[in-house]
Amino acid sequence: MRTYAVSALTLAALLLATLVPAGEPESMLATASGLVDKVDKGSLTVQPRTAGGQFGKKLVLKVTGTSKLTQVSMEKRGGKLVAVQRDMDAKDLEPRQSIVVIYTAGAGDAVLLSGVVQRTAGK
């Protein structure tokens, strides 16, 4: 069920990124899914997966004051399991944690706009 929530977010982001009105410049938005490699002050390194399931080239994203990260977990509400998102800080990310990111892919530094991670087991 957690995979469904992350997959749905990825699909929605990909669809939004590809909708460009005719005559307009291409979007500078990009998406990636994979694993958190490391978090430094002001940056996040993601090890993305390619379409074939192999790991691709590491992606270094600049974390700014407007970057938004949320953590998804499944909770019982009214007897049913539902996906719940909670805001989190980049410093709380852990290596090897699954992540989906939306970022700017234009000239210059790639900037993290939004990221969603699955809650680590046992937390």
N, C-alpha and C. Protein backbone atom coordinates (compact mmCIF):
# COMPACT_ATOMS: atom_id res chain seq x y z
N MET A 1 0.82 -1.18 0.00
CA MET A 1 0.00 0.00 0.00
C MET A 1 0.88 1.26 0.00
N ARG A 2 2.01 1.20 0.72
CA ARG A 2 2.91 2.35 0.74
C ARG A 2 3.49 2.59 -0.64
N THR A 3 3.82 1.52 -1.33
CA THR A 3 4.36 1.63 -2.67
C THR A 3 3.34 2.29 -3.58
N TYR A 4 2.06 1.99 -3.39
CA TYR A 4 0.99 2.58 -4.18
C TYR A 4 0.98 4.09 -4.02
N ALA A 5 1.11 4.59 -2.81
CA ALA A 5 1.07 6.03 -2.57
C ALA A 5 2.26 6.73 -3.24
N VAL A 6 3.44 6.15 -3.11
CA VAL A 6 4.64 6.73 -3.73
C VAL A 6 4.52 6.66 -5.24
N SER A 7 4.03 5.54 -5.77
CA SER A 7 3.88 5.39 -7.22
C SER A 7 2.86 6.38 -7.76
N ALA A 8 1.76 6.58 -7.05
CA ALA A 8 0.74 7.53 -7.49
C ALA A 8 1.30 8.94 -7.54
N LEU A 9 2.10 9.33 -6.55
CA LEU A 9 2.71 10.65 -6.53
C LEU A 9 3.68 10.80 -7.70
N THR A 10 4.46 9.78 -7.97
CA THR A 10 5.41 9.83 -9.08
C THR A 10 4.68 9.98 -10.40
N LEU A 11 3.64 9.20 -10.61
CA LEU A 11 2.86 9.28 -11.84
C LEU A 11 2.25 10.66 -12.01
N ALA A 12 1.68 11.21 -10.96
CA ALA A 12 1.08 12.54 -11.04
C ALA A 12 2.13 13.59 -11.38
N ALA A 13 3.30 13.50 -10.78
CA ALA A 13 4.37 14.46 -11.05
C ALA A 13 4.85 14.35 -12.49
N LEU A 14 4.98 13.13 -12.99
CA LEU A 14 5.40 12.94 -14.38
C LEU A 14 4.37 13.50 -15.35
N LEU A 15 3.09 13.28 -15.08
CA LEU A 15 2.05 13.81 -15.95
C LEU A 15 2.05 15.33 -15.95
N LEU A 16 2.19 15.93 -14.78
CA LEU A 16 2.21 17.39 -14.70
C LEU A 16 3.44 17.96 -15.40
N ALA A 17 4.57 17.28 -15.29
CA ALA A 17 5.80 17.77 -15.90
C ALA A 17 5.76 17.69 -17.42
N THR A 18 4.95 16.80 -17.98
CA THR A 18 4.90 16.64 -19.43
C THR A 18 3.82 17.48 -20.09
N LEU A 19 2.94 18.09 -19.32
CA LEU A 19 1.88 18.92 -19.89
C LEU A 19 2.41 20.33 -20.13
N VAL A 20 2.82 20.60 -21.37
CA VAL A 20 3.35 21.91 -21.73
C VAL A 20 2.51 22.45 -22.88
N PRO A 21 1.87 23.60 -22.70
CA PRO A 21 1.08 24.16 -23.79
C PRO A 21 1.95 24.44 -25.02
N ALA A 22 1.36 24.33 -26.21
CA ALA A 22 2.08 24.55 -27.46
C ALA A 22 2.65 25.96 -27.48
N GLY A 23 3.88 26.09 -27.97
CA GLY A 23 4.51 27.39 -28.10
C GLY A 23 5.19 27.87 -26.83
N GLU A 24 5.06 27.16 -25.74
CA GLU A 24 5.69 27.55 -24.48
C GLU A 24 7.01 26.80 -24.33
N PRO A 25 7.97 27.38 -23.61
CA PRO A 25 9.23 26.66 -23.40
C PRO A 25 9.00 25.41 -22.56
N GLU A 26 9.90 24.44 -22.72
CA GLU A 26 9.77 23.20 -21.95
C GLU A 26 9.90 23.47 -20.47
N SER A 27 9.24 22.65 -19.69
CA SER A 27 9.29 22.78 -18.24
C SER A 27 10.69 22.47 -17.74
N MET A 28 11.08 23.12 -16.68
CA MET A 28 12.36 22.85 -16.04
C MET A 28 12.19 21.87 -14.89
N LEU A 29 11.00 21.25 -14.78
CA LEU A 29 10.75 20.31 -13.70
C LEU A 29 11.15 18.91 -14.10
N ALA A 30 11.65 18.16 -13.14
CA ALA A 30 12.00 16.76 -13.35
C ALA A 30 11.65 15.98 -12.10
N THR A 31 11.53 14.67 -12.25
CA THR A 31 11.23 13.80 -11.12
C THR A 31 12.23 12.66 -11.10
N ALA A 32 12.39 12.08 -9.93
CA ALA A 32 13.24 10.90 -9.78
C ALA A 32 12.77 10.13 -8.56
N SER A 33 12.98 8.83 -8.60
CA SER A 33 12.69 8.00 -7.43
C SER A 33 13.89 7.08 -7.22
N GLY A 34 14.16 6.81 -5.97
CA GLY A 34 15.30 5.96 -5.64
C GLY A 34 15.52 5.92 -4.14
N LEU A 35 16.79 6.00 -3.76
CA LEU A 35 17.16 5.91 -2.35
C LEU A 35 17.96 7.14 -1.93
N VAL A 36 17.78 7.54 -0.68
CA VAL A 36 18.59 8.61 -0.12
C VAL A 36 20.01 8.07 0.02
N ASP A 37 20.98 8.81 -0.52
CA ASP A 37 22.38 8.41 -0.39
C ASP A 37 22.99 9.11 0.83
N LYS A 38 22.90 10.45 0.83
CA LYS A 38 23.39 11.20 2.00
C LYS A 38 22.74 12.57 2.05
N VAL A 39 22.78 13.16 3.22
CA VAL A 39 22.24 14.50 3.44
C VAL A 39 23.33 15.33 4.09
N ASP A 40 23.67 16.43 3.44
CA ASP A 40 24.64 17.37 3.98
C ASP A 40 23.91 18.67 4.26
N LYS A 41 24.58 19.60 4.90
CA LYS A 41 23.96 20.89 5.15
C LYS A 41 23.71 21.56 3.79
N GLY A 42 22.44 21.73 3.46
CA GLY A 42 22.07 22.41 2.23
C GLY A 42 21.99 21.55 0.98
N SER A 43 22.22 20.23 1.11
CA SER A 43 22.11 19.38 -0.08
C SER A 43 21.64 17.97 0.28
N LEU A 44 21.03 17.34 -0.72
CA LEU A 44 20.54 15.97 -0.60
C LEU A 44 21.05 15.20 -1.81
N THR A 45 21.67 14.06 -1.57
CA THR A 45 22.14 13.21 -2.66
C THR A 45 21.23 12.00 -2.75
N VAL A 46 20.65 11.79 -3.95
CA VAL A 46 19.72 10.70 -4.20
C VAL A 46 20.36 9.74 -5.20
N GLN A 47 20.22 8.45 -4.96
CA GLN A 47 20.65 7.41 -5.90
C GLN A 47 19.41 6.97 -6.66
N PRO A 48 19.13 7.57 -7.85
CA PRO A 48 17.89 7.26 -8.55
C PRO A 48 17.94 5.91 -9.24
N ARG A 49 16.77 5.35 -9.48
CA ARG A 49 16.63 4.11 -10.24
C ARG A 49 16.22 4.46 -11.66
N THR A 50 16.79 3.74 -12.64
CA THR A 50 16.42 3.94 -14.03
C THR A 50 15.16 3.14 -14.32
N ALA A 51 14.63 3.29 -15.52
CA ALA A 51 13.42 2.56 -15.91
C ALA A 51 13.63 1.05 -15.83
N GLY A 52 14.85 0.60 -16.05
CA GLY A 52 15.16 -0.83 -15.99
C GLY A 52 15.40 -1.34 -14.58
N GLY A 53 15.32 -0.47 -13.58
CA GLY A 53 15.50 -0.90 -12.20
C GLY A 53 16.93 -0.80 -11.70
N GLN A 54 17.86 -0.45 -12.57
CA GLN A 54 19.26 -0.29 -12.17
C GLN A 54 19.46 1.08 -11.53
N PHE A 55 20.50 1.22 -10.72
CA PHE A 55 20.80 2.52 -10.15
C PHE A 55 21.46 3.40 -11.20
N GLY A 56 21.04 4.66 -11.25
CA GLY A 56 21.60 5.63 -12.19
C GLY A 56 22.65 6.48 -11.50
N LYS A 57 23.07 7.53 -12.21
CA LYS A 57 24.06 8.48 -11.69
C LYS A 57 23.47 9.23 -10.50
N LYS A 58 24.27 9.42 -9.45
CA LYS A 58 23.80 10.12 -8.26
C LYS A 58 23.36 11.53 -8.60
N LEU A 59 22.31 11.96 -7.94
CA LEU A 59 21.70 13.26 -8.18
C LEU A 59 21.86 14.10 -6.92
N VAL A 60 22.55 15.23 -7.05
CA VAL A 60 22.75 16.13 -5.91
C VAL A 60 21.77 17.29 -6.05
N LEU A 61 20.93 17.45 -5.05
CA LEU A 61 19.90 18.49 -5.06
C LEU A 61 20.17 19.50 -3.95
N LYS A 62 20.04 20.77 -4.29
CA LYS A 62 20.20 21.83 -3.31
C LYS A 62 18.91 21.93 -2.50
N VAL A 63 19.02 21.93 -1.18
CA VAL A 63 17.85 22.07 -0.29
C VAL A 63 17.78 23.54 0.13
N THR A 64 16.62 24.15 -0.16
CA THR A 64 16.43 25.57 0.17
C THR A 64 15.34 25.72 1.23
N GLY A 65 15.07 26.94 1.61
CA GLY A 65 14.03 27.20 2.59
C GLY A 65 12.63 26.86 2.10
N THR A 66 12.47 26.78 0.78
CA THR A 66 11.15 26.45 0.24
C THR A 66 11.03 24.97 -0.15
N SER A 67 12.09 24.19 0.02
CA SER A 67 12.01 22.75 -0.25
C SER A 67 11.08 22.12 0.77
N LYS A 68 10.22 21.21 0.31
CA LYS A 68 9.24 20.59 1.21
C LYS A 68 9.44 19.09 1.19
N LEU A 69 9.58 18.50 2.37
CA LEU A 69 9.70 17.05 2.51
C LEU A 69 8.57 16.53 3.38
N THR A 70 8.00 15.41 2.97
CA THR A 70 6.97 14.76 3.77
C THR A 70 7.29 13.28 3.90
N GLN A 71 6.77 12.69 4.95
CA GLN A 71 6.96 11.28 5.25
C GLN A 71 5.59 10.61 5.19
N VAL A 72 5.50 9.50 4.44
CA VAL A 72 4.24 8.78 4.29
C VAL A 72 4.27 7.53 5.16
N SER A 73 3.17 7.31 5.87
CA SER A 73 3.02 6.09 6.65
C SER A 73 1.57 5.64 6.54
N MET A 74 1.35 4.39 6.87
CA MET A 74 -0.01 3.84 6.84
C MET A 74 -0.52 3.76 8.28
N GLU A 75 -1.71 4.30 8.51
CA GLU A 75 -2.31 4.28 9.83
C GLU A 75 -3.75 3.79 9.73
N LYS A 76 -4.22 3.17 10.80
CA LYS A 76 -5.61 2.74 10.85
C LYS A 76 -6.47 3.91 11.28
N ARG A 77 -7.48 4.20 10.46
CA ARG A 77 -8.44 5.25 10.76
C ARG A 77 -9.82 4.70 10.46
N GLY A 78 -10.65 4.62 11.45
CA GLY A 78 -11.99 4.09 11.25
C GLY A 78 -11.98 2.64 10.78
N GLY A 79 -10.98 1.87 11.23
CA GLY A 79 -10.89 0.46 10.86
C GLY A 79 -10.26 0.21 9.50
N LYS A 80 -9.85 1.27 8.79
CA LYS A 80 -9.23 1.12 7.48
C LYS A 80 -7.82 1.69 7.50
N LEU A 81 -6.92 1.09 6.70
CA LEU A 81 -5.58 1.63 6.55
C LEU A 81 -5.62 2.77 5.55
N VAL A 82 -5.07 3.92 5.94
CA VAL A 82 -5.00 5.08 5.05
C VAL A 82 -3.57 5.63 5.05
N ALA A 83 -3.19 6.22 3.92
CA ALA A 83 -1.87 6.85 3.82
C ALA A 83 -1.93 8.22 4.49
N VAL A 84 -0.94 8.50 5.34
CA VAL A 84 -0.87 9.76 6.07
C VAL A 84 0.47 10.41 5.78
N GLN A 85 0.45 11.72 5.44
CA GLN A 85 1.68 12.45 5.19
C GLN A 85 1.95 13.41 6.34
N ARG A 86 3.19 13.47 6.75
CA ARG A 86 3.61 14.41 7.79
C ARG A 86 4.86 15.13 7.31
N ASP A 87 4.93 16.44 7.57
CA ASP A 87 6.11 17.22 7.21
C ASP A 87 7.32 16.72 7.97
N MET A 88 8.48 16.86 7.35
CA MET A 88 9.72 16.47 8.01
C MET A 88 10.85 17.37 7.54
N ASP A 89 11.96 17.35 8.26
CA ASP A 89 13.15 18.12 7.91
C ASP A 89 14.14 17.22 7.17
N ALA A 90 14.96 17.82 6.33
CA ALA A 90 15.96 17.07 5.57
C ALA A 90 16.93 16.35 6.51
N LYS A 91 17.23 16.95 7.64
CA LYS A 91 18.18 16.34 8.58
C LYS A 91 17.66 15.01 9.14
N ASP A 92 16.35 14.76 9.04
CA ASP A 92 15.76 13.53 9.56
C ASP A 92 15.78 12.39 8.53
N LEU A 93 16.23 12.68 7.31
CA LEU A 93 16.33 11.62 6.29
C LEU A 93 17.44 10.65 6.67
N GLU A 94 17.25 9.40 6.29
CA GLU A 94 18.23 8.36 6.60
C GLU A 94 18.74 7.72 5.32
N PRO A 95 20.02 7.34 5.28
CA PRO A 95 20.54 6.64 4.11
C PRO A 95 19.73 5.37 3.82
N ARG A 96 19.57 5.07 2.52
CA ARG A 96 18.86 3.89 2.01
C ARG A 96 17.34 3.99 2.18
N GLN A 97 16.84 5.16 2.54
CA GLN A 97 15.40 5.37 2.67
C GLN A 97 14.84 5.64 1.27
N SER A 98 13.69 5.02 0.92
CA SER A 98 13.05 5.25 -0.37
C SER A 98 12.55 6.68 -0.45
N ILE A 99 12.76 7.31 -1.63
CA ILE A 99 12.36 8.71 -1.80
C ILE A 99 11.92 8.96 -3.24
N VAL A 100 10.96 9.86 -3.39
CA VAL A 100 10.54 10.38 -4.70
C VAL A 100 10.71 11.88 -4.62
N VAL A 101 11.36 12.49 -5.63
CA VAL A 101 11.62 13.93 -5.59
C VAL A 101 11.12 14.61 -6.86
N ILE A 102 10.73 15.87 -6.70
CA ILE A 102 10.44 16.77 -7.80
C ILE A 102 11.46 17.90 -7.65
N TYR A 103 12.17 18.21 -8.74
CA TYR A 103 13.24 19.20 -8.65
C TYR A 103 13.34 20.00 -9.94
N THR A 104 14.06 21.13 -9.86
CA THR A 104 14.31 21.93 -11.06
C THR A 104 15.48 21.31 -11.80
N ALA A 105 15.37 21.27 -13.13
CA ALA A 105 16.41 20.64 -13.94
C ALA A 105 16.96 21.59 -14.98
N GLY A 106 16.91 22.88 -14.71
CA GLY A 106 17.40 23.85 -15.67
C GLY A 106 18.89 24.08 -15.50
N ALA A 107 19.36 25.17 -16.06
CA ALA A 107 20.77 25.54 -15.93
C ALA A 107 21.08 25.84 -14.47
N GLY A 108 22.28 25.51 -14.06
CA GLY A 108 22.68 25.76 -12.69
C GLY A 108 22.39 24.58 -11.78
N ASP A 109 22.35 24.86 -10.49
CA ASP A 109 22.12 23.80 -9.50
C ASP A 109 20.70 23.24 -9.61
N ALA A 110 20.59 21.92 -9.44
CA ALA A 110 19.28 21.28 -9.34
C ALA A 110 18.77 21.56 -7.93
N VAL A 111 17.55 22.08 -7.82
CA VAL A 111 16.99 22.49 -6.53
C VAL A 111 15.82 21.57 -6.19
N LEU A 112 15.84 21.02 -4.98
CA LEU A 112 14.75 20.19 -4.50
C LEU A 112 13.52 21.05 -4.26
N LEU A 113 12.41 20.70 -4.92
CA LEU A 113 11.15 21.39 -4.68
C LEU A 113 10.32 20.63 -3.66
N SER A 114 10.19 19.32 -3.89
CA SER A 114 9.37 18.50 -3.01
C SER A 114 9.91 17.07 -2.99
N GLY A 115 9.77 16.43 -1.85
CA GLY A 115 10.19 15.03 -1.72
C GLY A 115 9.27 14.29 -0.78
N VAL A 116 9.03 13.02 -1.09
CA VAL A 116 8.19 12.17 -0.25
C VAL A 116 8.98 10.90 0.05
N VAL A 117 9.07 10.55 1.32
CA VAL A 117 9.78 9.34 1.74
C VAL A 117 8.82 8.41 2.47
N GLN A 118 9.17 7.12 2.45
CA GLN A 118 8.42 6.16 3.23
C GLN A 118 9.03 6.13 4.63
N ARG A 119 8.13 5.99 5.60
CA ARG A 119 8.60 5.91 6.98
C ARG A 119 9.46 4.67 7.15
N THR A 120 10.58 4.82 7.83
CA THR A 120 11.48 3.72 8.09
C THR A 120 10.82 2.76 9.07
N ALA A 121 10.96 1.45 8.84
CA ALA A 121 10.39 0.45 9.74
C ALA A 121 10.92 0.66 11.15
N GLY A 122 10.02 0.53 12.11
CA GLY A 122 10.41 0.65 13.52
C GLY A 122 10.34 2.08 14.04
N LYS A 123 9.91 3.01 13.21
CA LYS A 123 9.83 4.41 13.65
C LYS A 123 8.39 4.80 13.84
